[in-house]
Amino acid sequence: MKQAFCLKVIALCAAVFALFASCSANKAGAVSYEFTGIRRGNLERTVSSSGTINPVATVRVLPRMSGKVEEVHFDYNDTVKRGDVLARLNTDMLRLQRDQLNSSVQKARANYELQLINFRSQEALAERGLISEFELRSARTNLNNQRADLAVAESNLRVKETEINQYAFITSPIDGIVLDRNINVGDTVVDSASNNSSSIFTIAENLREMQIEAMVGELDVTSISKEQQVRFTLESLPGRRFRGVVENIRMIPVVSSGVVSYTVIINVDNRDGSLMPGMTCAVDFIVESAEDILMVPNAALRYLPTSLSADQVSEMQFNASLANMNEEQKEAAIKARAEQAAAQRQTQNSNQGLSQIMMGNQTNANRMAGGSGTRRQAGGSGEARRARPTVVYRNLWFVSGDGKLEVMQVRTGISDGVNTEIITDEDLEGRQVILRERI
């Protein structure tokens, strides 16, 4: 019995040891990956916004006099020409007032003519010395007053004639299309000079050319420029994509809930008439675009292996970066890394007493002085690189043919937020890289 019990204990211990060894092996190296392929395609970097479609130019027609609407000749969506009569106001009272003013003109003319005869008589008497200078000047002043009264009466009559023959007829100031009509027969309109006046017609100059007013945030507006290409879609016309061009960026900021935005005007061709005023649209400003390029998902560029220590990852990434350097750059990078490692070792071993610490600090100071020169040199080369188009290198991890984890450094280009362009002289199309680790 004791022997059987011992055998069972031994077997159980062996099983536990095997399970522990298996778990340890899995933890150490048996990591499962999810892969993705480097592929070719097209990429665009865009700035998204929303906007409203409006006519390029609209004119609000206001009445030039008050009165009752007698006739309305045009309705919504009607095409009008400049000078067409849109509506006519009632002129019955105006005609009566014109008759009164006409009588006033006749009366003023009669008084003027009578005063003119009187002045000529006074002037003849003054030549003979029969009246004083004061009487002559009084006669001349009365004549001038009568002349002025006649001019005022004639001017008032012309104003009334203008109201009857012109202002009573509300005409179109431009060629266009009636977008809005706010009057009906029998309505009373108010002169445009009054604060209570409102537009009675709204006319769009041309609906074949429209514009979008899009709001762009302050962080993205620097990516927008005049003549930039724009793509937009409408919920009312699913499946269709429209194009436009940036016409202008208005410099006046619009602040809403603490967010600063700017209005961007986009010109749109509407020859087919499918776009209507007031439609809302989703706008994409095309900042950069590239066709037939190598690309990879952004998640692959962000991946870091969890099975390696930070030092191992750093060492492998450093070795991979050497492939993108020339011989001079490689030597400088290797030297700088060696100096950095030596400084770290010196720091770790500098805790053996006060004297040793002081000596270590002095040594580190000397090393830092030498190291800072190297870093400034590297910084200079970095500034030189920034003088050229910005070059950014990222890491891609993959499993080699013998099953080892490897990393390569690639130059990246534009990104649409999901995929990123890879710029390389090698043909990496179809190459499998690690996307993430499987749980």
Protein backbone atom coordinates (compact mmCIF):
# COMPACT_ATOMS: atom_id res chain seq x y z
CA MET A 1 0.00 0.00 0.00
CA LYS A 2 2.75 2.40 0.93
CA GLN A 3 4.53 1.58 -2.32
CA ALA A 4 1.38 2.21 -4.37
CA PHE A 5 0.77 5.46 -2.53
CA CYS A 6 4.31 6.59 -3.20
CA LEU A 7 3.93 5.80 -6.88
CA LYS A 8 0.73 7.89 -7.05
CA VAL A 9 2.48 10.80 -5.34
CA ILE A 10 5.40 10.59 -7.75
CA ALA A 11 3.05 10.48 -10.76
CA LEU A 12 1.11 13.50 -9.46
CA CYS A 13 4.30 15.49 -8.90
CA ALA A 14 5.47 14.62 -12.43
CA ALA A 15 2.19 15.84 -13.89
CA VAL A 16 2.34 19.09 -11.92
CA PHE A 17 5.94 19.61 -13.01
CA ALA A 18 5.03 18.99 -16.67
CA LEU A 19 2.11 21.43 -16.45
CA PHE A 20 4.31 24.08 -14.86
CA ALA A 21 7.01 23.56 -17.48
CA SER A 22 4.43 23.85 -20.24
CA CYS A 23 3.02 27.09 -18.81
CA SER A 24 6.51 28.48 -18.39
CA ALA A 25 7.38 27.62 -21.98
CA ASN A 26 4.20 29.26 -23.26
CA LYS A 27 4.88 32.36 -21.21
CA ALA A 28 8.48 32.57 -22.37
CA GLY A 29 8.17 32.10 -26.10
CA ALA A 30 4.89 30.62 -27.40
CA VAL A 31 3.17 33.94 -28.24
CA SER A 32 0.42 33.84 -30.88
CA TYR A 33 0.26 36.72 -33.36
CA GLU A 34 -2.28 38.18 -35.72
CA PHE A 35 -0.66 39.19 -39.00
CA THR A 36 -1.48 41.67 -41.74
CA GLY A 37 -0.03 42.10 -45.20
CA ILE A 38 1.63 45.15 -46.72
CA ARG A 39 -0.47 46.00 -49.75
CA ARG A 40 -0.78 48.54 -52.54
CA GLY A 41 -3.58 51.06 -52.82
CA ASN A 42 -4.57 54.74 -52.75
CA LEU A 43 -4.47 57.01 -49.70
CA GLU A 44 -5.86 60.43 -48.90
CA ARG A 45 -5.33 62.67 -45.90
CA THR A 46 -8.43 64.76 -45.41
CA VAL A 47 -9.99 67.29 -43.07
CA SER A 48 -13.68 66.62 -42.44
CA SER A 49 -16.37 69.19 -41.82
CA SER A 50 -20.00 69.94 -42.60
CA GLY A 51 -21.66 72.80 -44.40
CA THR A 52 -24.73 74.25 -46.06
CA ILE A 53 -25.28 74.75 -49.78
CA ASN A 54 -26.38 78.25 -50.83
CA PRO A 55 -26.54 80.25 -54.06
CA VAL A 56 -23.43 82.26 -54.83
CA ALA A 57 -25.41 85.54 -54.84
CA THR A 58 -28.93 86.35 -53.62
CA VAL A 59 -30.79 89.66 -53.65
CA ARG A 60 -33.54 90.64 -51.24
CA VAL A 61 -36.16 92.87 -52.86
CA LEU A 62 -37.75 95.46 -50.57
CA PRO A 63 -40.57 97.89 -51.46
CA ARG A 64 -39.55 101.51 -52.05
CA MET A 65 -42.91 102.82 -50.81
CA SER A 66 -45.74 101.71 -48.57
CA GLY A 67 -49.01 100.54 -50.00
CA LYS A 68 -51.47 97.73 -50.65
CA VAL A 69 -50.50 94.90 -53.02
CA GLU A 70 -52.73 94.98 -56.09
CA GLU A 71 -51.06 92.32 -58.27
CA VAL A 72 -48.38 89.61 -57.93
CA HIS A 73 -46.91 88.42 -61.21
CA PHE A 74 -44.26 85.87 -60.16
CA ASP A 75 -44.15 82.90 -57.79
CA TYR A 76 -41.58 80.51 -56.31
CA ASN A 77 -38.95 79.11 -58.73
CA ASP A 78 -40.01 81.43 -61.57
CA THR A 79 -37.26 82.76 -63.80
CA VAL A 80 -37.15 86.55 -64.00
CA LYS A 81 -35.23 89.11 -66.02
CA ARG A 82 -33.90 92.40 -64.81
CA GLY A 83 -36.70 94.98 -64.90
CA ASP A 84 -39.56 92.46 -64.84
CA VAL A 85 -42.50 93.65 -62.72
CA LEU A 86 -42.77 91.28 -59.76
CA ALA A 87 -45.77 92.96 -58.15
CA ARG A 88 -47.82 96.17 -58.35
CA LEU A 89 -49.11 98.34 -55.52
CA ASN A 90 -52.46 100.16 -55.49
CA THR A 91 -52.12 103.79 -56.67
CA ASP A 92 -55.65 105.19 -56.19
CA MET A 93 -54.65 107.44 -53.28
CA LEU A 94 -51.46 108.41 -55.04
CA ARG A 95 -53.40 109.61 -58.07
CA LEU A 96 -55.66 111.77 -55.90
CA GLN A 97 -52.60 113.21 -54.19
CA ARG A 98 -51.09 113.87 -57.59
CA ASP A 99 -54.19 115.86 -58.59
CA GLN A 100 -53.88 117.93 -55.41
CA LEU A 101 -50.20 118.58 -56.06
CA ASN A 102 -50.95 119.50 -59.65
CA SER A 103 -53.38 122.16 -58.36
CA SER A 104 -50.71 123.38 -55.97
CA VAL A 105 -48.30 123.73 -58.89
CA GLN A 106 -50.82 125.75 -60.89
CA LYS A 107 -51.46 128.02 -57.91
CA ALA A 108 -47.76 128.51 -57.25
CA ARG A 109 -47.15 129.29 -60.93
CA ALA A 110 -49.95 131.88 -60.94
CA ASN A 111 -48.55 133.57 -57.85
CA TYR A 112 -45.09 133.57 -59.35
CA GLU A 113 -46.28 135.09 -62.61
CA LEU A 114 -48.22 137.78 -60.72
CA GLN A 115 -45.21 138.58 -58.56
CA LEU A 116 -43.03 138.69 -61.68
CA ILE A 117 -45.30 141.40 -63.19
CA ASN A 118 -45.22 143.30 -59.89
CA PHE A 119 -41.41 143.15 -59.75
CA ARG A 120 -41.03 144.46 -63.28
CA SER A 121 -43.33 147.37 -62.41
CA GLN A 122 -41.33 148.14 -59.28
CA GLU A 123 -38.15 147.92 -61.28
CA ALA A 124 -39.48 150.49 -63.80
CA LEU A 125 -40.50 152.84 -61.01
CA ALA A 126 -37.11 152.46 -59.37
CA GLU A 127 -35.38 153.49 -62.61
CA ARG A 128 -37.38 156.72 -62.47
CA GLY A 129 -36.57 157.19 -58.80
CA LEU A 130 -40.21 156.97 -57.73
CA ILE A 131 -39.66 154.18 -55.14
CA SER A 132 -36.97 153.48 -52.64
CA GLU A 133 -34.26 150.83 -52.87
CA PHE A 134 -35.95 148.95 -49.99
CA GLU A 135 -39.21 148.62 -51.91
CA LEU A 136 -37.38 147.31 -54.96
CA ARG A 137 -35.49 144.71 -52.90
CA SER A 138 -38.72 143.66 -51.17
CA ALA A 139 -40.32 143.08 -54.57
CA ARG A 140 -37.30 141.03 -55.70
CA THR A 141 -37.41 138.93 -52.50
CA ASN A 142 -41.12 138.22 -52.96
CA LEU A 143 -40.42 137.16 -56.53
CA ASN A 144 -37.67 134.77 -55.39
CA ASN A 145 -39.98 133.31 -52.72
CA GLN A 146 -42.71 132.69 -55.28
CA ARG A 147 -40.15 131.10 -57.60
CA ALA A 148 -39.04 128.79 -54.76
CA ASP A 149 -42.62 127.86 -53.88
CA LEU A 150 -43.24 126.95 -57.52
CA ALA A 151 -40.09 124.77 -57.57
CA VAL A 152 -41.17 122.97 -54.38
CA ALA A 153 -44.64 122.33 -55.76
CA GLU A 154 -43.22 120.99 -59.04
CA SER A 155 -40.75 118.77 -57.12
CA ASN A 156 -43.55 117.33 -54.96
CA LEU A 157 -45.52 116.60 -58.10
CA ARG A 158 -42.53 114.79 -59.66
CA VAL A 159 -42.10 112.69 -56.49
CA LYS A 160 -45.71 111.61 -56.67
CA GLU A 161 -45.41 110.88 -60.38
CA THR A 162 -42.34 108.73 -59.64
CA GLU A 163 -44.23 106.79 -56.98
CA ILE A 164 -47.13 106.17 -59.36
CA ASN A 165 -45.07 105.28 -62.42
CA GLN A 166 -42.07 103.56 -60.79
CA TYR A 167 -42.23 102.80 -57.06
CA ALA A 168 -45.68 101.26 -57.30
CA PHE A 169 -44.17 98.66 -59.64
CA ILE A 170 -41.83 96.32 -57.74
CA THR A 171 -39.27 95.13 -60.30
CA SER A 172 -36.47 92.58 -60.33
CA PRO A 173 -33.00 94.15 -59.98
CA ILE A 174 -31.20 91.15 -61.56
CA ASP A 175 -31.69 88.15 -63.82
CA GLY A 176 -32.34 85.09 -61.67
CA ILE A 177 -34.78 82.71 -60.02
CA VAL A 178 -37.35 83.54 -57.35
CA LEU A 179 -36.39 81.63 -54.20
CA ASP A 180 -38.87 83.21 -51.82
CA ARG A 181 -42.08 85.26 -52.07
CA ASN A 182 -43.47 86.89 -48.93
CA ILE A 183 -46.47 88.82 -50.27
CA ASN A 184 -49.95 88.07 -51.52
CA VAL A 185 -52.60 90.19 -53.18
CA GLY A 186 -54.19 92.40 -50.53
CA ASP A 187 -51.16 92.56 -48.23
CA THR A 188 -49.84 95.90 -47.09
CA VAL A 189 -46.11 96.49 -47.45
CA VAL A 190 -43.96 99.04 -45.65
CA ASP A 191 -41.40 101.36 -47.19
CA SER A 192 -37.82 100.00 -47.01
CA ALA A 193 -36.76 103.11 -45.08
CA SER A 194 -38.90 101.94 -42.15
CA ASN A 195 -37.56 99.65 -39.42
CA ASN A 196 -40.61 97.43 -39.88
CA SER A 197 -39.90 96.75 -43.54
CA SER A 198 -39.01 93.24 -44.70
CA SER A 199 -38.04 91.63 -48.01
CA ILE A 200 -40.94 90.62 -50.20
CA PHE A 201 -38.93 88.63 -52.77
CA THR A 202 -35.61 86.78 -52.60
CA ILE A 203 -33.95 86.20 -55.96
CA ALA A 204 -30.94 83.97 -56.64
CA GLU A 205 -28.71 85.19 -59.41
CA ASN A 206 -27.70 81.72 -60.65
CA LEU A 207 -28.38 78.21 -59.37
CA ARG A 208 -25.99 76.60 -61.84
CA GLU A 209 -23.17 77.74 -59.59
CA MET A 210 -23.56 77.17 -55.86
CA GLN A 211 -21.33 77.56 -52.83
CA ILE A 212 -20.88 75.70 -49.55
CA GLU A 213 -20.27 77.50 -46.27
CA ALA A 214 -18.33 75.01 -44.14
CA MET A 215 -17.08 75.54 -40.59
CA VAL A 216 -13.50 74.35 -39.96
CA GLY A 217 -11.88 74.29 -36.51
CA GLU A 218 -8.79 76.32 -35.71
CA LEU A 219 -6.63 73.17 -35.50
CA ASP A 220 -7.48 72.13 -39.06
CA VAL A 221 -7.91 75.45 -40.86
CA THR A 222 -4.15 75.74 -41.43
CA SER A 223 -4.43 72.70 -43.73
CA ILE A 224 -6.95 74.53 -45.95
CA SER A 225 -5.85 76.75 -48.83
CA LYS A 226 -7.41 78.50 -51.80
CA GLU A 227 -8.00 76.34 -54.90
CA GLN A 228 -7.84 73.19 -52.74
CA GLN A 229 -9.92 70.26 -53.99
CA VAL A 230 -12.97 69.27 -51.95
CA ARG A 231 -15.21 66.21 -51.96
CA PHE A 232 -18.68 66.22 -50.38
CA THR A 233 -21.72 63.99 -50.02
CA LEU A 234 -25.38 64.56 -49.13
CA GLU A 235 -27.73 62.35 -47.17
CA SER A 236 -30.51 63.29 -49.59
CA LEU A 237 -28.48 61.89 -52.52
CA PRO A 238 -26.87 58.70 -51.19
CA GLY A 239 -24.25 57.02 -53.30
CA ARG A 240 -23.25 60.21 -55.13
CA ARG A 241 -20.03 62.14 -54.59
CA PHE A 242 -19.63 65.76 -55.62
CA ARG A 243 -16.54 67.89 -56.14
CA GLY A 244 -15.75 71.50 -55.34
CA VAL A 245 -12.90 73.99 -54.99
CA VAL A 246 -12.06 76.23 -52.03
CA GLU A 247 -12.83 79.82 -53.01
CA ASN A 248 -12.06 81.72 -49.83
CA ILE A 249 -11.30 81.41 -46.11
CA ARG A 250 -13.00 84.11 -44.08
CA MET A 251 -10.65 85.45 -41.43
CA ILE A 252 -13.38 86.37 -38.94
CA PRO A 253 -13.48 83.65 -36.23
CA VAL A 254 -16.74 82.15 -35.04
CA VAL A 255 -16.70 81.14 -31.35
CA SER A 256 -19.29 78.62 -30.13
CA SER A 257 -19.07 76.94 -26.71
CA GLY A 258 -15.42 77.91 -26.47
CA VAL A 259 -14.57 76.33 -29.86
CA VAL A 260 -13.06 78.63 -32.50
CA SER A 261 -14.00 77.94 -36.13
CA TYR A 262 -13.60 79.68 -39.46
CA THR A 263 -15.96 79.82 -42.43
CA VAL A 264 -14.60 78.29 -45.64
CA ILE A 265 -16.37 79.08 -48.93
CA ILE A 266 -16.40 76.29 -51.53
CA ASN A 267 -17.48 76.79 -55.14
CA VAL A 268 -19.64 73.98 -56.57
CA ASP A 269 -20.85 73.28 -60.10
CA ASN A 270 -24.61 72.59 -60.21
CA ARG A 271 -25.33 72.37 -63.91
CA ASP A 272 -27.59 69.35 -63.50
CA GLY A 273 -29.65 71.17 -60.86
CA SER A 274 -29.42 68.35 -58.31
CA LEU A 275 -28.19 70.64 -55.52
CA MET A 276 -30.78 72.82 -53.82
CA PRO A 277 -30.28 75.81 -51.51
CA GLY A 278 -30.21 74.91 -47.83
CA MET A 279 -29.02 71.31 -48.24
CA THR A 280 -26.53 70.13 -45.63
CA CYS A 281 -23.49 68.13 -46.70
CA ALA A 282 -20.48 66.30 -45.29
CA VAL A 283 -17.29 67.88 -46.62
CA ASP A 284 -13.80 66.37 -46.97
CA PHE A 285 -10.94 68.75 -47.77
CA ILE A 286 -8.25 66.76 -49.60
CA VAL A 287 -4.96 67.77 -47.94
CA GLU A 288 -2.74 65.08 -49.48
CA SER A 289 -3.31 62.15 -51.80
CA ALA A 290 -1.19 59.34 -53.25
CA GLU A 291 -1.99 56.53 -55.67
CA ASP A 292 -0.58 53.02 -56.08
CA ILE A 293 1.54 53.12 -52.92
CA LEU A 294 2.52 50.57 -50.29
CA MET A 295 0.49 50.87 -47.11
CA VAL A 296 0.04 49.11 -43.80
CA PRO A 297 -2.52 49.45 -40.98
CA ASN A 298 -1.54 51.94 -38.28
CA ALA A 299 -1.95 49.25 -35.60
CA ALA A 300 1.04 47.41 -37.06
CA LEU A 301 3.20 50.52 -36.68
CA ARG A 302 2.13 50.88 -33.04
CA TYR A 303 2.82 47.25 -32.07
CA LEU A 304 5.46 46.45 -29.42
CA PRO A 305 6.18 42.82 -28.38
CA THR A 306 5.37 41.93 -24.78
CA SER A 307 7.63 38.87 -24.79
CA LEU A 308 10.78 41.05 -24.88
CA SER A 309 12.20 43.36 -22.27
CA ALA A 310 12.52 47.09 -22.87
CA ASP A 311 16.29 46.74 -23.33
CA GLN A 312 15.84 43.98 -25.89
CA VAL A 313 13.29 46.02 -27.82
CA SER A 314 15.57 49.06 -27.75
CA GLU A 315 18.55 47.04 -28.96
CA MET A 316 16.63 45.45 -31.84
CA GLN A 317 15.15 48.79 -32.92
CA PHE A 318 18.58 50.40 -32.84
CA ASN A 319 20.05 47.64 -35.01
CA ALA A 320 17.16 48.02 -37.44
CA SER A 321 17.71 51.79 -37.66
CA LEU A 322 21.30 51.23 -38.82
CA ALA A 323 19.99 49.89 -42.13
CA ASN A 324 18.72 53.40 -43.00
CA MET A 325 22.07 55.15 -42.30
CA ASN A 326 25.21 55.66 -44.29
CA GLU A 327 28.58 54.59 -42.92
CA GLU A 328 29.34 57.93 -41.27
CA GLN A 329 25.95 58.03 -39.57
CA LYS A 330 26.33 54.43 -38.42
CA GLU A 331 29.68 55.15 -36.78
CA ALA A 332 28.31 58.24 -35.02
CA ALA A 333 25.21 56.37 -33.82
CA ILE A 334 27.22 53.36 -32.53
CA LYS A 335 29.69 55.66 -30.75
CA ALA A 336 26.92 57.69 -29.13
CA ARG A 337 25.14 54.53 -27.98
CA ALA A 338 28.39 53.13 -26.53
CA GLU A 339 29.03 56.35 -24.62
CA GLN A 340 25.47 56.32 -23.32
CA ALA A 341 25.85 52.71 -22.11
CA ALA A 342 29.17 53.53 -20.46
CA ALA A 343 27.62 56.48 -18.67
CA GLN A 344 24.78 54.31 -17.41
CA ARG A 345 27.22 51.68 -16.12
CA GLN A 346 29.32 54.35 -14.43
CA THR A 347 26.20 55.71 -12.73
CA GLN A 348 25.16 52.27 -11.50
CA ASN A 349 28.62 51.57 -10.02
CA SER A 350 29.08 54.97 -8.36
CA ASN A 351 27.63 54.16 -4.92
CA GLN A 352 30.70 52.83 -3.09
CA GLY A 353 31.41 55.63 -0.65
CA LEU A 354 31.45 59.38 -0.48
CA SER A 355 34.82 59.79 -2.13
CA GLN A 356 33.91 57.36 -4.86
CA ILE A 357 30.60 59.18 -5.38
CA MET A 358 32.33 62.53 -5.71
CA MET A 359 34.81 61.07 -8.13
CA GLY A 360 32.00 59.41 -10.00
CA ASN A 361 30.09 62.69 -10.22
CA GLN A 362 33.16 64.43 -11.60
CA THR A 363 33.63 61.68 -14.14
CA ASN A 364 29.97 61.80 -15.12
CA ALA A 365 30.19 65.55 -15.52
CA ASN A 366 33.12 65.13 -17.87
CA ARG A 367 31.28 62.43 -19.75
CA MET A 368 28.15 64.55 -19.99
CA ALA A 369 30.20 67.41 -21.42
CA GLY A 370 31.59 65.11 -24.09
CA GLY A 371 28.17 63.51 -24.63
CA SER A 372 26.43 66.85 -25.04
CA GLY A 373 28.77 67.64 -27.91
CA THR A 374 27.72 64.41 -29.58
CA ARG A 375 24.07 65.21 -29.00
CA ARG A 376 24.44 68.68 -30.44
CA GLN A 377 26.05 67.10 -33.48
CA ALA A 378 23.13 64.72 -33.79
CA GLY A 379 20.75 67.63 -33.26
CA GLY A 380 22.46 69.50 -36.07
CA SER A 381 22.00 66.58 -38.39
CA GLY A 382 18.38 66.42 -37.27
CA GLU A 383 17.90 70.09 -38.14
CA ALA A 384 19.48 69.42 -41.51
CA ARG A 385 17.02 66.59 -42.04
CA ARG A 386 14.11 68.86 -41.05
CA ALA A 387 15.27 71.37 -43.64
CA ARG A 388 14.34 68.73 -46.21
CA PRO A 389 10.83 67.26 -46.37
CA THR A 390 10.02 65.66 -43.02
CA VAL A 391 11.25 62.06 -42.82
CA VAL A 392 9.63 59.80 -40.22
CA TYR A 393 10.72 56.21 -39.57
CA ARG A 394 8.52 53.66 -37.81
CA ASN A 395 8.99 50.05 -36.76
CA LEU A 396 7.34 46.95 -38.21
CA TRP A 397 7.70 43.64 -36.39
CA PHE A 398 7.61 40.28 -38.17
CA VAL A 399 8.53 36.62 -37.71
CA SER A 400 11.50 35.46 -39.77
CA GLY A 401 11.68 32.20 -41.67
CA ASP A 402 13.33 30.42 -38.74
CA GLY A 403 10.57 31.56 -36.37
CA LYS A 404 12.47 34.40 -34.70
CA LEU A 405 10.94 37.79 -33.88
CA GLU A 406 12.52 40.52 -36.00
CA VAL A 407 11.96 44.24 -36.63
CA MET A 408 12.53 46.50 -39.61
CA GLN A 409 12.42 50.27 -39.81
CA VAL A 410 10.48 51.87 -42.67
CA ARG A 411 9.92 55.45 -43.77
CA THR A 412 6.29 56.53 -43.51
CA GLY A 413 4.31 59.02 -45.58
CA ILE A 414 0.74 60.23 -45.47
CA SER A 415 -1.95 58.60 -43.34
CA ASP A 416 -5.73 58.60 -43.44
CA GLY A 417 -6.04 57.61 -39.77
CA VAL A 418 -6.42 53.91 -40.55
CA ASN A 419 -3.57 53.11 -42.95
CA THR A 420 -0.17 54.73 -43.48
CA GLU A 421 2.02 54.96 -46.57
CA ILE A 422 5.34 53.12 -46.57
CA ILE A 423 8.17 54.58 -48.65
CA THR A 424 10.93 52.07 -49.41
CA ASP A 425 13.18 50.91 -52.21
CA GLU A 426 12.39 47.29 -51.40
CA ASP A 427 9.43 45.40 -52.79
CA LEU A 428 7.50 44.72 -49.56
CA GLU A 429 4.12 44.09 -51.19
CA GLY A 430 2.53 41.02 -49.60
CA ARG A 431 5.03 40.93 -46.71
CA GLN A 432 3.35 39.68 -43.52
CA VAL A 433 3.92 41.83 -40.42
CA ILE A 434 2.54 41.57 -36.88
CA LEU A 435 -0.68 43.46 -36.31
CA ARG A 436 -1.27 42.49 -32.69
CA GLU A 437 -0.90 39.64 -30.24
CA ARG A 438 -3.71 37.17 -29.81
CA ILE A 439 -5.11 36.66 -26.36
